[in-house]
Each structure stands twice: as structure tokens, then as C-alpha cells.
Amino acid sequence: MNLCDILFVSDLDGTLLRPDVTLDPKDAAQLNALAEAGVRITYATARTIRSVSHILSDLHFAPDSPPVALMNGVLIRDMARGVYLDIAAMSPETSAMLLRAMSDAGASPFIYALNDAGELFTYYHSLPNDAMRTFMDDRIRLYQKPFQQIETTDDIRETVIYCCLLGSEQDILRAEAAIQGIPKIRFTSYRDNYDPSVFYLEIFDERADKRHAVEALRTVTSAKTVVCFGDNLNDIPMFEASDIRVAVSGAHPELKTRADAIAHDGVTAWIVQYLKDNALL
């Protein structure tokens, strides 16, 4: 086994990050040292570029760093060059059908859209619950992320790439029922990492999920072995596409049943030990 043949891919929230949604400075220093030593490490997250750039600001992305998968594999981004290498966008017909079904069900998601220049916009019609309001307020406060309220989805001129709804479990189940059968989409739902009373529903093009993310990252890097780290149900596709699957100690029980190993001391410590065990460090 050669070091250049291995790619480590970690989820962020609930996996690599601390409960306060920050990267431990010790982990950042260790990850930078590993990267400088030739270890290839990257990240697959449901987050957008704005929050990821802030959260991972202590990491050094060199020109030869592997790209990062954003929004559950909708976007594959070269962080050093600041460009998207792959975009799994919805067709206008699909997004119109989806948004109409959501509206008919009384669901008002955050709608993410990308223009031709690669600029990301986030729209919403209303904020029906505290979870949606907190989600927006936190991202404005922490990452200065812009949100734009719209009267109707016809006001969106850019290409829709992703929708996100937060609410109670019943809210999410009702929205899922409304979008069942819509062609050319994929969706995933799961409990929030930070507030167990809140559930997420994420909707994207059928080509995009964390399986797509791993496959794209494997192709770009020519990795022979992909080692992934996760904690929640939206990481299942990533587990299915990887060669070695590692769950963190606080992971969802179902994800743990699919894991080859448990990272009891965190992602970074597991990577270091794995490299030592295989005489690669």
C-alpha cells in the first residue's frame, strides 16, 4: 500500500467538528501536518462553500489538495483555485415540479440556486418554525451568508441545485410524502446533530449524494482506497461507495452497524493510528 493511493474523506458536523461547530485547533494543526507529509485528506459535507470556508479557515489547501464535496455531493470544489469541478443541478422542469409540490404541501424550504458565474444564492418564501429561523439567523451571524425572501419561486432566475427543510419529524414526513414520485430527484432525512427535536430534509438532483461525492473524488484523485468517516444517516451513501468505513463514537446506531471501525478518539487520531499501523507514517 502506498500513501498516494489512499484518500481519507470526512464528514464535518458531528464527525470532525466540535459540538460548537468549530474545528479544534489541534486537529487543524495535525491535519495540516499530515497534508504536508503527503497524506490526502478531504471533506464531504451538507454545508455550502460560505460556511465551509469559515469553518475550515485554519486548513491549508495547496494546489494539489483533493477537492471538497459540498451540499451532499451536489458541488465538487477545488478549494485552492476557488472553482467548481462538478455541479449536479436540477433541470428547470424538475425544480418547478418539486417546488410546486412542496408549496402545495405547505412546506417552505430554503432554496439554493447557482448562477453561471458560480455564485450561490439562498431563497425562502417564509420561515414557518423556530428551526428554520435559527438556521438562517446562525448563518447570517456566523458566516455573513445572505438570504433573500421571495414572493414566489418564479422570482428565482438562477439554476436550483438544492433544497433544505427543517422542522418536526411530522413536518418532514409530510413533505417527504408530497415529493414521492417526482422524477430525477433524490432526498434524505435525518435528525439534527445539535437539536434532537429538529429533523432535516435535503433534496437534490438524482445524480448527487455522498456516493456521487466519493465516486467523483476517487476519479479526480485516482485513489485506490477511500477511507470515509461519518456520523449520520446521510453518510450511508458515502459508506457504500468507500472501501473502509469509519463511524465516530457518537454516530447513529444504524451507521455504526455499517462501519468497519469506530473512531473512539476522533477522526484525526484514527487517521494517524491507521497510517502508523500500515507503516505509512
C-alpha atoms as a PDB file:
ATOM      1  CA  MET A   1       0.000   0.000   0.000  1.00  0.00           C
ATOM      2  CA  ASN A   2       1.327   3.423  -0.973  1.00  0.00           C
ATOM      3  CA  LEU A   3       0.373   6.673   0.717  1.00  0.00           C
ATOM      4  CA  CYS A   4      -0.599   8.273  -2.590  1.00  0.00           C
ATOM      5  CA  ASP A   5      -3.177   5.525  -3.204  1.00  0.00           C
ATOM      6  CA  ILE A   6      -5.258   6.412  -0.124  1.00  0.00           C
ATOM      7  CA  LEU A   7      -7.875   9.153   0.185  1.00  0.00           C
ATOM      8  CA  PHE A   8      -9.427   9.998   3.549  1.00  0.00           C
ATOM      9  CA  VAL A   9     -12.869  11.639   3.315  1.00  0.00           C
ATOM     10  CA  SER A  10     -14.509  13.047   6.444  1.00  0.00           C
ATOM     11  CA  ASP A  11     -17.943  14.451   7.127  1.00  0.00           C
ATOM     12  CA  LEU A  12     -17.879  17.669   9.179  1.00  0.00           C
ATOM     13  CA  ASP A  13     -20.835  18.201  11.548  1.00  0.00           C
ATOM     14  CA  GLY A  14     -20.978  15.534  14.216  1.00  0.00           C
ATOM     15  CA  THR A  15     -17.864  13.856  12.844  1.00  0.00           C
ATOM     16  CA  LEU A  16     -14.811  16.103  12.587  1.00  0.00           C
ATOM     17  CA  LEU A  17     -16.163  19.268  14.204  1.00  0.00           C
ATOM     18  CA  ARG A  18     -16.643  20.010  17.882  1.00  0.00           C
ATOM     19  CA  PRO A  19     -20.176  20.479  19.324  1.00  0.00           C
ATOM     20  CA  ASP A  20     -19.791  24.254  18.907  1.00  0.00           C
ATOM     21  CA  VAL A  21     -19.377  23.698  15.131  1.00  0.00           C
ATOM     22  CA  THR A  22     -15.684  24.581  15.078  1.00  0.00           C
ATOM     23  CA  LEU A  23     -12.564  22.654  14.154  1.00  0.00           C
ATOM     24  CA  ASP A  24     -10.305  22.003  17.119  1.00  0.00           C
ATOM     25  CA  PRO A  25      -7.024  23.924  16.570  1.00  0.00           C
ATOM     26  CA  LYS A  26      -5.091  20.763  17.499  1.00  0.00           C
ATOM     27  CA  ASP A  27      -6.928  18.829  14.806  1.00  0.00           C
ATOM     28  CA  ALA A  28      -6.303  21.633  12.307  1.00  0.00           C
ATOM     29  CA  ALA A  29      -2.576  21.597  13.054  1.00  0.00           C
ATOM     30  CA  GLN A  30      -2.430  17.806  12.772  1.00  0.00           C
ATOM     31  CA  LEU A  31      -4.397  17.774   9.522  1.00  0.00           C
ATOM     32  CA  ASN A  32      -2.098  20.411   8.021  1.00  0.00           C
ATOM     33  CA  ALA A  33       0.961  18.415   9.095  1.00  0.00           C
ATOM     34  CA  LEU A  34      -0.456  15.242   7.575  1.00  0.00           C
ATOM     35  CA  ALA A  35      -1.232  17.042   4.314  1.00  0.00           C
ATOM     36  CA  GLU A  36       2.305  18.413   4.164  1.00  0.00           C
ATOM     37  CA  ALA A  37       3.570  14.851   4.653  1.00  0.00           C
ATOM     38  CA  GLY A  38       1.637  13.740   1.579  1.00  0.00           C
ATOM     39  CA  VAL A  39      -1.474  12.337   3.237  1.00  0.00           C
ATOM     40  CA  ARG A  40      -4.549  13.102   1.129  1.00  0.00           C
ATOM     41  CA  ILE A  41      -7.491  14.209   3.262  1.00  0.00           C
ATOM     42  CA  THR A  42     -10.696  15.903   2.179  1.00  0.00           C
ATOM     43  CA  TYR A  43     -14.239  16.572   3.342  1.00  0.00           C
ATOM     44  CA  ALA A  44     -17.809  15.729   2.284  1.00  0.00           C
ATOM     45  CA  THR A  45     -20.499  17.825   3.900  1.00  0.00           C
ATOM     46  CA  ALA A  46     -24.054  19.075   3.507  1.00  0.00           C
ATOM     47  CA  ARG A  47     -22.768  22.616   4.058  1.00  0.00           C
ATOM     48  CA  THR A  48     -22.194  25.300   1.429  1.00  0.00           C
ATOM     49  CA  ILE A  49     -18.923  26.940   0.468  1.00  0.00           C
ATOM     50  CA  ARG A  50     -19.526  30.018   2.627  1.00  0.00           C
ATOM     51  CA  SER A  51     -19.766  28.149   5.939  1.00  0.00           C
ATOM     52  CA  VAL A  52     -17.128  25.573   4.968  1.00  0.00           C
ATOM     53  CA  SER A  53     -14.626  28.294   4.072  1.00  0.00           C
ATOM     54  CA  HIS A  54     -15.141  29.812   7.511  1.00  0.00           C
ATOM     55  CA  ILE A  55     -15.113  26.556   9.477  1.00  0.00           C
ATOM     56  CA  LEU A  56     -12.019  25.199   7.693  1.00  0.00           C
ATOM     57  CA  SER A  57     -10.185  28.523   7.540  1.00  0.00           C
ATOM     58  CA  ASP A  58      -7.258  27.113   9.563  1.00  0.00           C
ATOM     59  CA  LEU A  59      -6.596  24.386   6.995  1.00  0.00           C
ATOM     60  CA  HIS A  60      -4.143  24.905   4.151  1.00  0.00           C
ATOM     61  CA  PHE A  61      -5.478  23.914   0.736  1.00  0.00           C
ATOM     62  CA  ALA A  62      -2.489  23.508  -1.571  1.00  0.00           C
ATOM     63  CA  PRO A  63      -2.827  23.430  -5.384  1.00  0.00           C
ATOM     64  CA  ASP A  64      -2.575  19.621  -5.284  1.00  0.00           C
ATOM     65  CA  SER A  65      -5.103  19.196  -2.446  1.00  0.00           C
ATOM     66  CA  PRO A  66      -8.041  16.927  -3.284  1.00  0.00           C
ATOM     67  CA  PRO A  67     -11.307  18.790  -3.927  1.00  0.00           C
ATOM     68  CA  VAL A  68     -14.069  19.067  -1.337  1.00  0.00           C
ATOM     69  CA  ALA A  69     -17.642  17.777  -1.750  1.00  0.00           C
ATOM     70  CA  LEU A  70     -20.296  20.294  -0.706  1.00  0.00           C
ATOM     71  CA  MET A  71     -24.076  20.094  -0.204  1.00  0.00           C
ATOM     72  CA  ASN A  72     -24.049  16.278  -0.008  1.00  0.00           C
ATOM     73  CA  GLY A  73     -22.233  15.898  -3.317  1.00  0.00           C
ATOM     74  CA  VAL A  74     -24.144  18.496  -5.340  1.00  0.00           C
ATOM     75  CA  LEU A  75     -20.923  20.502  -5.737  1.00  0.00           C
ATOM     76  CA  ILE A  76     -17.308  19.350  -6.021  1.00  0.00           C
ATOM     77  CA  ARG A  77     -14.984  22.303  -5.401  1.00  0.00           C
ATOM     78  CA  ASP A  78     -11.286  22.890  -5.895  1.00  0.00           C
ATOM     79  CA  MET A  79     -10.607  24.950  -2.772  1.00  0.00           C
ATOM     80  CA  ALA A  80      -7.194  26.209  -3.876  1.00  0.00           C
ATOM     81  CA  ARG A  81      -8.424  27.568  -7.216  1.00  0.00           C
ATOM     82  CA  GLY A  82     -11.880  28.507  -5.981  1.00  0.00           C
ATOM     83  CA  VAL A  83     -13.776  26.764  -8.789  1.00  0.00           C
ATOM     84  CA  TYR A  84     -16.416  24.059  -9.022  1.00  0.00           C
ATOM     85  CA  LEU A  85     -15.238  20.946 -10.836  1.00  0.00           C
ATOM     86  CA  ASP A  86     -18.661  19.312 -10.924  1.00  0.00           C
ATOM     87  CA  ILE A  87     -22.218  20.605 -10.446  1.00  0.00           C
ATOM     88  CA  ALA A  88     -25.249  18.321 -10.184  1.00  0.00           C
ATOM     89  CA  ALA A  89     -28.032  20.815 -10.870  1.00  0.00           C
ATOM     90  CA  MET A  90     -31.751  20.179 -11.225  1.00  0.00           C
ATOM     91  CA  SER A  91     -33.407  20.817 -14.570  1.00  0.00           C
ATOM     92  CA  PRO A  92     -35.880  23.737 -14.679  1.00  0.00           C
ATOM     93  CA  GLU A  93     -38.718  21.239 -15.147  1.00  0.00           C
ATOM     94  CA  THR A  94     -37.679  19.165 -12.146  1.00  0.00           C
ATOM     95  CA  SER A  95     -37.172  22.125  -9.828  1.00  0.00           C
ATOM     96  CA  ALA A  96     -40.529  23.635 -10.845  1.00  0.00           C
ATOM     97  CA  MET A  97     -42.318  20.340 -10.111  1.00  0.00           C
ATOM     98  CA  LEU A  98     -40.524  19.967  -6.792  1.00  0.00           C
ATOM     99  CA  LEU A  99     -41.189  23.490  -5.561  1.00  0.00           C
ATOM    100  CA  ARG A 100     -44.837  23.302  -6.592  1.00  0.00           C
ATOM    101  CA  ALA A 101     -45.293  20.031  -4.660  1.00  0.00           C
ATOM    102  CA  MET A 102     -43.604  21.498  -1.594  1.00  0.00           C
ATOM    103  CA  SER A 103     -45.797  24.602  -1.755  1.00  0.00           C
ATOM    104  CA  ASP A 104     -48.969  22.525  -2.130  1.00  0.00           C
ATOM    105  CA  ALA A 105     -47.958  20.601   0.999  1.00  0.00           C
ATOM    106  CA  GLY A 106     -47.456  23.827   2.957  1.00  0.00           C
ATOM    107  CA  ALA A 107     -43.675  23.352   3.114  1.00  0.00           C
ATOM    108  CA  SER A 108     -41.371  26.334   2.615  1.00  0.00           C
ATOM    109  CA  PRO A 109     -37.773  25.154   2.165  1.00  0.00           C
ATOM    110  CA  PHE A 110     -34.574  27.090   1.745  1.00  0.00           C
ATOM    111  CA  ILE A 111     -33.821  27.018  -1.975  1.00  0.00           C
ATOM    112  CA  TYR A 112     -30.214  27.147  -3.149  1.00  0.00           C
ATOM    113  CA  ALA A 113     -29.503  28.324  -6.676  1.00  0.00           C
ATOM    114  CA  LEU A 114     -26.308  28.859  -8.652  1.00  0.00           C
ATOM    115  CA  ASN A 115     -25.724  31.344 -11.463  1.00  0.00           C
ATOM    116  CA  ASP A 116     -23.413  30.982 -14.449  1.00  0.00           C
ATOM    117  CA  ALA A 117     -20.593  32.724 -12.568  1.00  0.00           C
ATOM    118  CA  GLY A 118     -20.691  30.142  -9.783  1.00  0.00           C
ATOM    119  CA  GLU A 119     -22.343  32.473  -7.259  1.00  0.00           C
ATOM    120  CA  LEU A 120     -24.645  30.771  -4.770  1.00  0.00           C
ATOM    121  CA  PHE A 121     -27.976  32.304  -3.713  1.00  0.00           C
ATOM    122  CA  THR A 122     -30.313  31.188  -0.935  1.00  0.00           C
ATOM    123  CA  TYR A 123     -34.021  31.979  -1.190  1.00  0.00           C
ATOM    124  CA  TYR A 124     -37.038  31.384   1.037  1.00  0.00           C
ATOM    125  CA  HIS A 125     -40.708  32.302   0.969  1.00  0.00           C
ATOM    126  CA  SER A 126     -41.451  32.048   4.687  1.00  0.00           C
ATOM    127  CA  LEU A 127     -39.939  30.777   7.944  1.00  0.00           C
ATOM    128  CA  PRO A 128     -42.675  28.567   9.417  1.00  0.00           C
ATOM    129  CA  ASN A 129     -40.876  27.400  12.555  1.00  0.00           C
ATOM    130  CA  ASP A 130     -38.112  28.232  15.029  1.00  0.00           C
ATOM    131  CA  ALA A 131     -35.716  25.709  13.464  1.00  0.00           C
ATOM    132  CA  MET A 132     -35.850  27.481  10.096  1.00  0.00           C
ATOM    133  CA  ARG A 133     -35.400  30.897  11.733  1.00  0.00           C
ATOM    134  CA  THR A 134     -32.463  29.694  13.839  1.00  0.00           C
ATOM    135  CA  PHE A 135     -30.835  28.057  10.813  1.00  0.00           C
ATOM    136  CA  MET A 136     -30.940  31.342   8.902  1.00  0.00           C
ATOM    137  CA  ASP A 137     -30.003  33.588  11.823  1.00  0.00           C
ATOM    138  CA  ASP A 138     -26.997  31.444  12.751  1.00  0.00           C
ATOM    139  CA  ARG A 139     -25.632  31.508   9.213  1.00  0.00           C
ATOM    140  CA  ILE A 140     -26.073  35.234   8.909  1.00  0.00           C
ATOM    141  CA  ARG A 141     -24.411  35.823  12.281  1.00  0.00           C
ATOM    142  CA  LEU A 142     -21.555  33.337  11.926  1.00  0.00           C
ATOM    143  CA  TYR A 143     -20.820  33.343   8.198  1.00  0.00           C
ATOM    144  CA  GLN A 144     -22.484  36.541   6.886  1.00  0.00           C
ATOM    145  CA  LYS A 145     -24.425  34.339   4.496  1.00  0.00           C
ATOM    146  CA  PRO A 146     -27.086  36.246   2.526  1.00  0.00           C
ATOM    147  CA  PHE A 147     -30.695  35.037   2.406  1.00  0.00           C
ATOM    148  CA  GLN A 148     -33.349  36.559   0.172  1.00  0.00           C
ATOM    149  CA  GLN A 149     -37.083  36.369   0.774  1.00  0.00           C
ATOM    150  CA  ILE A 150     -39.245  35.922  -2.325  1.00  0.00           C
ATOM    151  CA  GLU A 151     -42.962  36.228  -3.038  1.00  0.00           C
ATOM    152  CA  THR A 152     -42.982  33.294  -5.438  1.00  0.00           C
ATOM    153  CA  THR A 153     -40.478  30.769  -6.750  1.00  0.00           C
ATOM    154  CA  ASP A 154     -40.943  32.364 -10.179  1.00  0.00           C
ATOM    155  CA  ASP A 155     -38.659  35.101  -8.823  1.00  0.00           C
ATOM    156  CA  ILE A 156     -35.696  32.684  -8.914  1.00  0.00           C
ATOM    157  CA  ARG A 157     -33.645  33.277 -12.051  1.00  0.00           C
ATOM    158  CA  GLU A 158     -30.674  31.041 -11.268  1.00  0.00           C
ATOM    159  CA  THR A 159     -30.405  27.250 -11.530  1.00  0.00           C
ATOM    160  CA  VAL A 160     -31.833  25.426  -8.499  1.00  0.00           C
ATOM    161  CA  ILE A 161     -29.364  22.888  -7.114  1.00  0.00           C
ATOM    162  CA  TYR A 162     -30.617  22.007  -3.627  1.00  0.00           C
ATOM    163  CA  CYS A 163     -33.494  22.452  -1.157  1.00  0.00           C
ATOM    164  CA  CYS A 164     -33.394  22.127   2.612  1.00  0.00           C
ATOM    165  CA  LEU A 165     -36.339  21.952   5.016  1.00  0.00           C
ATOM    166  CA  LEU A 166     -36.164  21.875   8.824  1.00  0.00           C
ATOM    167  CA  GLY A 167     -38.970  21.037  11.231  1.00  0.00           C
ATOM    168  CA  SER A 168     -40.529  18.385  13.407  1.00  0.00           C
ATOM    169  CA  GLU A 169     -40.468  14.754  12.383  1.00  0.00           C
ATOM    170  CA  GLN A 170     -44.097  15.097  11.287  1.00  0.00           C
ATOM    171  CA  ASP A 171     -43.258  18.165   9.165  1.00  0.00           C
ATOM    172  CA  ILE A 172     -40.551  16.218   7.388  1.00  0.00           C
ATOM    173  CA  LEU A 173     -42.664  13.096   6.866  1.00  0.00           C
ATOM    174  CA  ARG A 174     -45.442  15.219   5.375  1.00  0.00           C
ATOM    175  CA  ALA A 175     -43.014  16.920   2.980  1.00  0.00           C
ATOM    176  CA  GLU A 176     -41.468  13.572   2.006  1.00  0.00           C
ATOM    177  CA  ALA A 177     -44.907  12.221   1.133  1.00  0.00           C
ATOM    178  CA  ALA A 178     -45.543  15.250  -1.070  1.00  0.00           C
ATOM    179  CA  ILE A 179     -42.403  14.775  -3.162  1.00  0.00           C
ATOM    180  CA  GLN A 180     -42.523  10.991  -3.505  1.00  0.00           C
ATOM    181  CA  GLY A 181     -42.600  10.061  -7.161  1.00  0.00           C
ATOM    182  CA  ILE A 182     -41.096  13.267  -8.519  1.00  0.00           C
ATOM    183  CA  PRO A 183     -38.611  12.083 -11.141  1.00  0.00           C
ATOM    184  CA  LYS A 184     -34.921  12.903 -11.210  1.00  0.00           C
ATOM    185  CA  ILE A 185     -34.549  13.929  -7.566  1.00  0.00           C
ATOM    186  CA  ARG A 186     -33.002  12.310  -4.527  1.00  0.00           C
ATOM    187  CA  PHE A 187     -33.695  13.197  -0.907  1.00  0.00           C
ATOM    188  CA  THR A 188     -32.503  12.266   2.544  1.00  0.00           C
ATOM    189  CA  SER A 189     -33.883  12.996   6.008  1.00  0.00           C
ATOM    190  CA  TYR A 190     -32.290  12.719   9.419  1.00  0.00           C
ATOM    191  CA  ARG A 191     -32.287  14.105  12.948  1.00  0.00           C
ATOM    192  CA  ASP A 192     -30.255  17.259  13.596  1.00  0.00           C
ATOM    193  CA  ASN A 193     -26.857  16.769  15.235  1.00  0.00           C
ATOM    194  CA  TYR A 194     -27.334  19.650  17.654  1.00  0.00           C
ATOM    195  CA  ASP A 195     -31.079  19.645  18.496  1.00  0.00           C
ATOM    196  CA  PRO A 196     -32.732  16.200  18.625  1.00  0.00           C
ATOM    197  CA  SER A 197     -36.208  17.740  18.281  1.00  0.00           C
ATOM    198  CA  VAL A 198     -35.337  19.030  14.795  1.00  0.00           C
ATOM    199  CA  PHE A 199     -35.260  16.975  11.598  1.00  0.00           C
ATOM    200  CA  TYR A 200     -33.745  17.832   8.216  1.00  0.00           C
ATOM    201  CA  LEU A 201     -34.972  17.063   4.725  1.00  0.00           C
ATOM    202  CA  GLU A 202     -32.451  17.640   1.944  1.00  0.00           C
ATOM    203  CA  ILE A 203     -33.413  17.382  -1.720  1.00  0.00           C
ATOM    204  CA  PHE A 204     -31.099  17.410  -4.710  1.00  0.00           C
ATOM    205  CA  ASP A 205     -30.649  16.111  -8.241  1.00  0.00           C
ATOM    206  CA  GLU A 206     -30.721  12.331  -8.659  1.00  0.00           C
ATOM    207  CA  ARG A 207     -27.016  12.334  -9.545  1.00  0.00           C
ATOM    208  CA  ALA A 208     -25.994  13.908  -6.255  1.00  0.00           C
ATOM    209  CA  ASP A 209     -25.434  12.351  -2.860  1.00  0.00           C
ATOM    210  CA  LYS A 210     -22.379  11.406  -0.872  1.00  0.00           C
ATOM    211  CA  ARG A 211     -21.954   8.289  -3.015  1.00  0.00           C
ATOM    212  CA  HIS A 212     -21.583  10.588  -6.017  1.00  0.00           C
ATOM    213  CA  ALA A 213     -19.187  12.689  -3.949  1.00  0.00           C
ATOM    214  CA  VAL A 214     -16.926   9.730  -3.165  1.00  0.00           C
ATOM    215  CA  GLU A 215     -17.028   8.490  -6.758  1.00  0.00           C
ATOM    216  CA  ALA A 216     -16.112  11.953  -8.072  1.00  0.00           C
ATOM    217  CA  LEU A 217     -13.324  12.359  -5.532  1.00  0.00           C
ATOM    218  CA  ARG A 218     -11.979   8.891  -6.319  1.00  0.00           C
ATOM    219  CA  THR A 219     -11.906   9.726 -10.042  1.00  0.00           C
ATOM    220  CA  VAL A 220     -10.220  13.101  -9.597  1.00  0.00           C
ATOM    221  CA  THR A 221      -7.564  11.762  -7.225  1.00  0.00           C
ATOM    222  CA  SER A 222      -7.141   8.264  -8.770  1.00  0.00           C
ATOM    223  CA  ALA A 223      -7.362   6.873  -5.243  1.00  0.00           C
ATOM    224  CA  LYS A 224      -7.334   3.089  -4.940  1.00  0.00           C
ATOM    225  CA  THR A 225      -8.567   3.079  -1.343  1.00  0.00           C
ATOM    226  CA  VAL A 226     -11.103   5.519   0.072  1.00  0.00           C
ATOM    227  CA  VAL A 227     -11.459   5.692   3.848  1.00  0.00           C
ATOM    228  CA  CYS A 228     -14.514   7.646   4.984  1.00  0.00           C
ATOM    229  CA  PHE A 229     -15.724   8.988   8.328  1.00  0.00           C
ATOM    230  CA  GLY A 230     -19.333   9.788   9.237  1.00  0.00           C
ATOM    231  CA  ASP A 231     -21.926  10.033  11.952  1.00  0.00           C
ATOM    232  CA  ASN A 232     -25.423  10.298  10.484  1.00  0.00           C
ATOM    233  CA  LEU A 233     -27.832   8.661   8.054  1.00  0.00           C
ATOM    234  CA  ASN A 234     -26.925  10.989   5.187  1.00  0.00           C
ATOM    235  CA  ASP A 235     -23.462   9.399   5.341  1.00  0.00           C
ATOM    236  CA  ILE A 236     -24.790   5.969   4.333  1.00  0.00           C
ATOM    237  CA  PRO A 237     -24.238   6.579   0.576  1.00  0.00           C
ATOM    238  CA  MET A 238     -20.663   7.635   1.370  1.00  0.00           C
ATOM    239  CA  PHE A 239     -20.151   4.427   3.343  1.00  0.00           C
ATOM    240  CA  GLU A 240     -21.496   2.366   0.455  1.00  0.00           C
ATOM    241  CA  ALA A 241     -19.035   3.921  -2.000  1.00  0.00           C
ATOM    242  CA  SER A 242     -15.958   3.685   0.236  1.00  0.00           C
ATOM    243  CA  ASP A 243     -13.517   0.856   0.863  1.00  0.00           C
ATOM    244  CA  ILE A 244     -13.076   1.408   4.595  1.00  0.00           C
ATOM    245  CA  ARG A 245     -15.947   2.882   6.601  1.00  0.00           C
ATOM    246  CA  VAL A 246     -15.363   4.522   9.992  1.00  0.00           C
ATOM    247  CA  ALA A 247     -18.078   5.824  12.312  1.00  0.00           C
ATOM    248  CA  VAL A 248     -17.325   8.193  15.163  1.00  0.00           C
ATOM    249  CA  SER A 249     -18.255   7.079  18.679  1.00  0.00           C
ATOM    250  CA  GLY A 250     -21.406   9.224  18.794  1.00  0.00           C
ATOM    251  CA  ALA A 251     -22.690   8.100  15.394  1.00  0.00           C
ATOM    252  CA  HIS A 252     -26.233   6.991  14.632  1.00  0.00           C
ATOM    253  CA  PRO A 253     -26.649   3.306  15.624  1.00  0.00           C
ATOM    254  CA  GLU A 254     -27.573   2.278  12.075  1.00  0.00           C
ATOM    255  CA  LEU A 255     -24.403   3.850  10.689  1.00  0.00           C
ATOM    256  CA  LYS A 256     -22.334   2.014  13.284  1.00  0.00           C
ATOM    257  CA  THR A 257     -23.726  -1.311  12.055  1.00  0.00           C
ATOM    258  CA  ARG A 258     -22.334  -0.471   8.606  1.00  0.00           C
ATOM    259  CA  ALA A 259     -18.903   0.602   9.867  1.00  0.00           C
ATOM    260  CA  ASP A 260     -15.666  -1.353   9.661  1.00  0.00           C
ATOM    261  CA  ALA A 261     -14.244   0.580  12.608  1.00  0.00           C
ATOM    262  CA  ILE A 262     -15.152   3.149  15.277  1.00  0.00           C
ATOM    263  CA  ALA A 263     -13.061   6.286  15.763  1.00  0.00           C
ATOM    264  CA  HIS A 264     -13.282   6.454  19.548  1.00  0.00           C
ATOM    265  CA  ASP A 265     -10.733   9.275  19.819  1.00  0.00           C
ATOM    266  CA  GLY A 266     -11.816  11.260  16.789  1.00  0.00           C
ATOM    267  CA  VAL A 267     -11.082  11.321  13.083  1.00  0.00           C
ATOM    268  CA  THR A 268      -7.591  12.784  13.182  1.00  0.00           C
ATOM    269  CA  ALA A 269      -6.329  10.348  15.826  1.00  0.00           C
ATOM    270  CA  TRP A 270      -7.790   7.428  13.833  1.00  0.00           C
ATOM    271  CA  ILE A 271      -6.008   8.525  10.657  1.00  0.00           C
ATOM    272  CA  VAL A 272      -2.675   8.836  12.458  1.00  0.00           C
ATOM    273  CA  GLN A 273      -3.033   5.394  14.045  1.00  0.00           C
ATOM    274  CA  TYR A 274      -4.081   3.811  10.736  1.00  0.00           C
ATOM    275  CA  LEU A 275      -1.029   5.262   8.992  1.00  0.00           C
ATOM    276  CA  LYS A 276       1.255   4.019  11.755  1.00  0.00           C
ATOM    277  CA  ASP A 277      -0.314   0.559  11.745  1.00  0.00           C
ATOM    278  CA  ASN A 278       0.331   0.331   7.992  1.00  0.00           C
ATOM    279  CA  ALA A 279       3.883   1.717   8.233  1.00  0.00           C
ATOM    280  CA  LEU A 280       2.911   4.801   6.241  1.00  0.00           C
ATOM    281  CA  LEU A 281       3.842   7.386   8.837  1.00  0.00           C
END
